[in-house]
């Protein structure tokens, strides 16, 4: 319902919570009927994995 370029633009221009709501609004405006789901994860830092 929302193309990749638009998703990328929204994610780069909005704080995470606002981006989630904006993506839902866009999906519904583009014809989504119900059950629109957005899941965004913000990774703060990555830790190296110890090799065994």
PDB file of N, CA and C in Angstrom:
ATOM      1  N   UNK A   1       0.801  -1.192   0.000  1.00  0.00           N
ATOM      2  CA  UNK A   1       0.000   0.000   0.000  1.00  0.00           C
ATOM      3  C   UNK A   1       0.853   1.268   0.000  1.00  0.00           C
ATOM      4  N   UNK A   2       2.077   1.194   0.527  1.00  0.00           N
ATOM      5  CA  UNK A   2       2.985   2.344   0.511  1.00  0.00           C
ATOM      6  C   UNK A   2       4.283   1.873  -0.132  1.00  0.00           C
ATOM      7  N   UNK A   3       4.719   2.561  -1.172  1.00  0.00           N
ATOM      8  CA  UNK A   3       5.913   2.088  -1.880  1.00  0.00           C
ATOM      9  C   UNK A   3       7.191   2.366  -1.078  1.00  0.00           C
ATOM     10  N   UNK A   4       8.239   1.652  -1.444  1.00  0.00           N
ATOM     11  CA  UNK A   4       9.498   1.704  -0.690  1.00  0.00           C
ATOM     12  C   UNK A   4      10.074   3.109  -0.599  1.00  0.00           C
ATOM     13  N   UNK A   5      10.006   3.871  -1.682  1.00  0.00           N
ATOM     14  CA  UNK A   5      10.560   5.226  -1.679  1.00  0.00           C
ATOM     15  C   UNK A   5       9.821   6.123  -0.687  1.00  0.00           C
ATOM     16  N   UNK A   6       8.510   5.983  -0.607  1.00  0.00           N
ATOM     17  CA  UNK A   6       7.732   6.786   0.325  1.00  0.00           C
ATOM     18  C   UNK A   6       8.004   6.362   1.768  1.00  0.00           C
ATOM     19  N   UNK A   7       8.131   5.062   2.004  1.00  0.00           N
ATOM     20  CA  UNK A   7       8.479   4.568   3.340  1.00  0.00           C
ATOM     21  C   UNK A   7       9.816   5.152   3.766  1.00  0.00           C
ATOM     22  N   UNK A   8      10.791   5.091   2.886  1.00  0.00           N
ATOM     23  CA  UNK A   8      12.118   5.608   3.200  1.00  0.00           C
ATOM     24  C   UNK A   8      12.065   7.104   3.513  1.00  0.00           C
ATOM     25  N   UNK A   9      11.329   7.858   2.711  1.00  0.00           N
ATOM     26  CA  UNK A   9      11.225   9.300   2.930  1.00  0.00           C
ATOM     27  C   UNK A   9      10.591   9.611   4.288  1.00  0.00           C
ATOM     28  N   UNK A  10       9.559   8.887   4.637  1.00  0.00           N
ATOM     29  CA  UNK A  10       8.887   9.101   5.924  1.00  0.00           C
ATOM     30  C   UNK A  10       9.826   8.748   7.078  1.00  0.00           C
ATOM     31  N   UNK A  11      10.526   7.630   6.963  1.00  0.00           N
ATOM     32  CA  UNK A  11      11.421   7.200   8.038  1.00  0.00           C
ATOM     33  C   UNK A  11      12.580   8.168   8.246  1.00  0.00           C
ATOM     34  N   UNK A  12      13.001   8.831   7.185  1.00  0.00           N
ATOM     35  CA  UNK A  12      14.115   9.774   7.291  1.00  0.00           C
ATOM     36  C   UNK A  12      13.670  11.164   7.739  1.00  0.00           C
ATOM     37  N   UNK A  13      12.361  11.430   7.731  1.00  0.00           N
ATOM     38  CA  UNK A  13      11.902  12.789   8.022  1.00  0.00           C
ATOM     39  C   UNK A  13      11.099  12.924   9.313  1.00  0.00           C
ATOM     40  N   UNK A  14      10.808  11.814   9.965  1.00  0.00           N
ATOM     41  CA  UNK A  14       9.940  11.859  11.142  1.00  0.00           C
ATOM     42  C   UNK A  14      10.554  11.076  12.302  1.00  0.00           C
ATOM     43  N   UNK A  15      10.245  11.476  13.550  1.00  0.00           N
ATOM     44  CA  UNK A  15      10.596  10.621  14.688  1.00  0.00           C
ATOM     45  C   UNK A  15       9.858   9.289  14.556  1.00  0.00           C
ATOM     46  N   UNK A  16      10.357   8.260  15.190  1.00  0.00           N
ATOM     47  CA  UNK A  16       9.858   6.896  14.989  1.00  0.00           C
ATOM     48  C   UNK A  16       8.353   6.756  15.225  1.00  0.00           C
ATOM     49  N   UNK A  17       7.843   7.278  16.335  1.00  0.00           N
ATOM     50  CA  UNK A  17       6.412   7.134  16.627  1.00  0.00           C
ATOM     51  C   UNK A  17       5.560   7.859  15.600  1.00  0.00           C
ATOM     52  N   UNK A  18       5.947   9.069  15.240  1.00  0.00           N
ATOM     53  CA  UNK A  18       5.196   9.829  14.239  1.00  0.00           C
ATOM     54  C   UNK A  18       5.269   9.133  12.880  1.00  0.00           C
ATOM     55  N   UNK A  19       6.424   8.550  12.558  1.00  0.00           N
ATOM     56  CA  UNK A  19       6.575   7.834  11.290  1.00  0.00           C
ATOM     57  C   UNK A  19       5.613   6.647  11.224  1.00  0.00           C
ATOM     58  N   UNK A  20       5.474   5.933  12.326  1.00  0.00           N
ATOM     59  CA  UNK A  20       4.558   4.784  12.353  1.00  0.00           C
ATOM     60  C   UNK A  20       3.132   5.224  12.047  1.00  0.00           C
ATOM     61  N   UNK A  21       2.663   6.280  12.721  1.00  0.00           N
ATOM     62  CA  UNK A  21       1.310   6.771  12.467  1.00  0.00           C
ATOM     63  C   UNK A  21       1.149   7.301  11.046  1.00  0.00           C
ATOM     64  N   UNK A  22       2.176   7.961  10.541  1.00  0.00           N
ATOM     65  CA  UNK A  22       2.114   8.495   9.177  1.00  0.00           C
ATOM     66  C   UNK A  22       2.042   7.360   8.159  1.00  0.00           C
ATOM     67  N   UNK A  23       2.792   6.283   8.386  1.00  0.00           N
ATOM     68  CA  UNK A  23       2.742   5.127   7.484  1.00  0.00           C
ATOM     69  C   UNK A  23       1.362   4.473   7.502  1.00  0.00           C
ATOM     70  N   UNK A  24       0.758   4.381   8.678  1.00  0.00           N
ATOM     71  CA  UNK A  24      -0.604   3.834   8.764  1.00  0.00           C
ATOM     72  C   UNK A  24      -1.570   4.729   7.996  1.00  0.00           C
ATOM     73  N   UNK A  25      -1.477   6.030   8.213  1.00  0.00           N
ATOM     74  CA  UNK A  25      -2.356   6.975   7.495  1.00  0.00           C
ATOM     75  C   UNK A  25      -2.190   6.843   5.984  1.00  0.00           C
ATOM     76  N   UNK A  26      -0.944   6.741   5.521  1.00  0.00           N
ATOM     77  CA  UNK A  26      -0.677   6.613   4.073  1.00  0.00           C
ATOM     78  C   UNK A  26      -1.265   5.309   3.522  1.00  0.00           C
ATOM     79  N   UNK A  27      -1.083   4.209   4.249  1.00  0.00           N
ATOM     80  CA  UNK A  27      -1.609   2.917   3.789  1.00  0.00           C
ATOM     81  C   UNK A  27      -3.132   2.971   3.669  1.00  0.00           C
ATOM     82  N   UNK A  28      -3.789   3.562   4.658  1.00  0.00           N
ATOM     83  CA  UNK A  28      -5.248   3.671   4.601  1.00  0.00           C
ATOM     84  C   UNK A  28      -5.684   4.601   3.468  1.00  0.00           C
ATOM     85  N   UNK A  29      -4.967   5.689   3.278  1.00  0.00           N
ATOM     86  CA  UNK A  29      -5.301   6.627   2.194  1.00  0.00           C
ATOM     87  C   UNK A  29      -5.092   6.008   0.823  1.00  0.00           C
ATOM     88  N   UNK A  30      -4.158   5.050   0.734  1.00  0.00           N
ATOM     89  CA  UNK A  30      -3.863   4.402  -0.545  1.00  0.00           C
ATOM     90  C   UNK A  30      -4.711   3.164  -0.789  1.00  0.00           C
ATOM     91  N   UNK A  31      -5.764   2.966   0.002  1.00  0.00           N
ATOM     92  CA  UNK A  31      -6.689   1.879  -0.282  1.00  0.00           C
ATOM     93  C   UNK A  31      -6.688   0.746   0.711  1.00  0.00           C
ATOM     94  N   UNK A  32      -5.852   0.808   1.732  1.00  0.00           N
ATOM     95  CA  UNK A  32      -5.892  -0.237   2.762  1.00  0.00           C
ATOM     96  C   UNK A  32      -7.248  -0.202   3.452  1.00  0.00           C
ATOM     97  N   UNK A  33      -7.854  -1.357   3.634  1.00  0.00           N
ATOM     98  CA  UNK A  33      -9.199  -1.395   4.202  1.00  0.00           C
ATOM     99  C   UNK A  33      -9.180  -1.556   5.718  1.00  0.00           C
ATOM    100  N   UNK A  34      -8.376  -2.460   6.201  1.00  0.00           N
ATOM    101  CA  UNK A  34      -8.267  -2.689   7.635  1.00  0.00           C
ATOM    102  C   UNK A  34      -7.019  -3.532   7.902  1.00  0.00           C
ATOM    103  N   UNK A  35      -6.745  -3.790   9.149  1.00  0.00           N
ATOM    104  CA  UNK A  35      -5.598  -4.615   9.550  1.00  0.00           C
ATOM    105  C   UNK A  35      -4.261  -4.086   9.027  1.00  0.00           C
ATOM    106  N   UNK A  36      -4.124  -2.777   8.963  1.00  0.00           N
ATOM    107  CA  UNK A  36      -2.850  -2.175   8.577  1.00  0.00           C
ATOM    108  C   UNK A  36      -1.914  -2.299   9.769  1.00  0.00           C
ATOM    109  N   UNK A  37      -0.747  -2.861   9.551  1.00  0.00           N
ATOM    110  CA  UNK A  37       0.217  -3.063  10.628  1.00  0.00           C
ATOM    111  C   UNK A  37       1.543  -2.422  10.261  1.00  0.00           C
ATOM    112  N   UNK A  38       2.116  -1.701  11.201  1.00  0.00           N
ATOM    113  CA  UNK A  38       3.444  -1.128  11.037  1.00  0.00           C
ATOM    114  C   UNK A  38       4.254  -1.540  12.248  1.00  0.00           C
ATOM    115  N   UNK A  39       5.452  -2.022  12.005  1.00  0.00           N
ATOM    116  CA  UNK A  39       6.356  -2.368  13.096  1.00  0.00           C
ATOM    117  C   UNK A  39       7.710  -1.747  12.792  1.00  0.00           C
ATOM    118  N   UNK A  40       8.121  -0.824  13.636  1.00  0.00           N
ATOM    119  CA  UNK A  40       9.403  -0.163  13.476  1.00  0.00           C
ATOM    120  C   UNK A  40      10.253  -0.473  14.700  1.00  0.00           C
ATOM    121  N   UNK A  41      11.513  -0.771  14.477  1.00  0.00           N
ATOM    122  CA  UNK A  41      12.437  -1.097  15.565  1.00  0.00           C
ATOM    123  C   UNK A  41      13.623  -0.164  15.459  1.00  0.00           C
ATOM    124  N   UNK A  42      13.946   0.470  16.558  1.00  0.00           N
ATOM    125  CA  UNK A  42      15.108   1.350  16.593  1.00  0.00           C
ATOM    126  C   UNK A  42      16.216   0.632  17.361  1.00  0.00           C
ATOM    127  N   UNK A  43      17.336   0.411  16.702  1.00  0.00           N
ATOM    128  CA  UNK A  43      18.477  -0.265  17.317  1.00  0.00           C
ATOM    129  C   UNK A  43      19.418   0.806  17.839  1.00  0.00           C
ATOM    130  N   UNK A  44      19.662   0.790  19.132  1.00  0.00           N
ATOM    131  CA  UNK A  44      20.518   1.791  19.765  1.00  0.00           C
ATOM    132  C   UNK A  44      21.996   1.483  19.538  1.00  0.00           C
ATOM    133  N   UNK A  45      22.366   0.223  19.719  1.00  0.00           N
ATOM    134  CA  UNK A  45      23.766  -0.171  19.553  1.00  0.00           C
ATOM    135  C   UNK A  45      23.829  -1.672  19.324  1.00  0.00           C
ATOM    136  N   UNK A  46      24.823  -2.085  18.610  1.00  0.00           N
ATOM    137  CA  UNK A  46      25.043  -3.508  18.376  1.00  0.00           C
ATOM    138  C   UNK A  46      26.266  -3.954  19.165  1.00  0.00           C
ATOM    139  N   UNK A  47      26.173  -5.122  19.745  1.00  0.00           N
ATOM    140  CA  UNK A  47      27.282  -5.706  20.466  1.00  0.00           C
ATOM    141  C   UNK A  47      27.847  -6.843  19.621  1.00  0.00           C
ATOM    142  N   UNK A  48      29.173  -6.979  19.551  1.00  0.00           N
ATOM    143  CA  UNK A  48      29.734  -8.087  18.787  1.00  0.00           C
ATOM    144  C   UNK A  48      29.347  -9.424  19.420  1.00  0.00           C
ATOM    145  N   UNK A  49      29.143 -10.394  18.581  1.00  0.00           N
ATOM    146  CA  UNK A  49      28.806 -11.727  19.033  1.00  0.00           C
ATOM    147  C   UNK A  49      30.094 -12.515  19.232  1.00  0.00           C
ATOM    148  N   UNK A  50      30.205 -13.148  20.374  1.00  0.00           N
ATOM    149  CA  UNK A  50      31.399 -13.938  20.664  1.00  0.00           C
ATOM    150  C   UNK A  50      31.352 -15.254  19.897  1.00  0.00           C
ATOM    151  N   UNK A  51      32.406 -15.553  19.189  1.00  0.00           N
ATOM    152  CA  UNK A  51      32.490 -16.792  18.419  1.00  0.00           C
ATOM    153  C   UNK A  51      32.886 -17.934  19.357  1.00  0.00           C
ATOM    154  N   UNK A  52      32.214 -19.057  19.243  1.00  0.00           N
ATOM    155  CA  UNK A  52      32.548 -20.225  20.066  1.00  0.00           C
ATOM    156  C   UNK A  52      33.132 -21.318  19.236  1.00  0.00           C
TER     157      UNK A  52
END
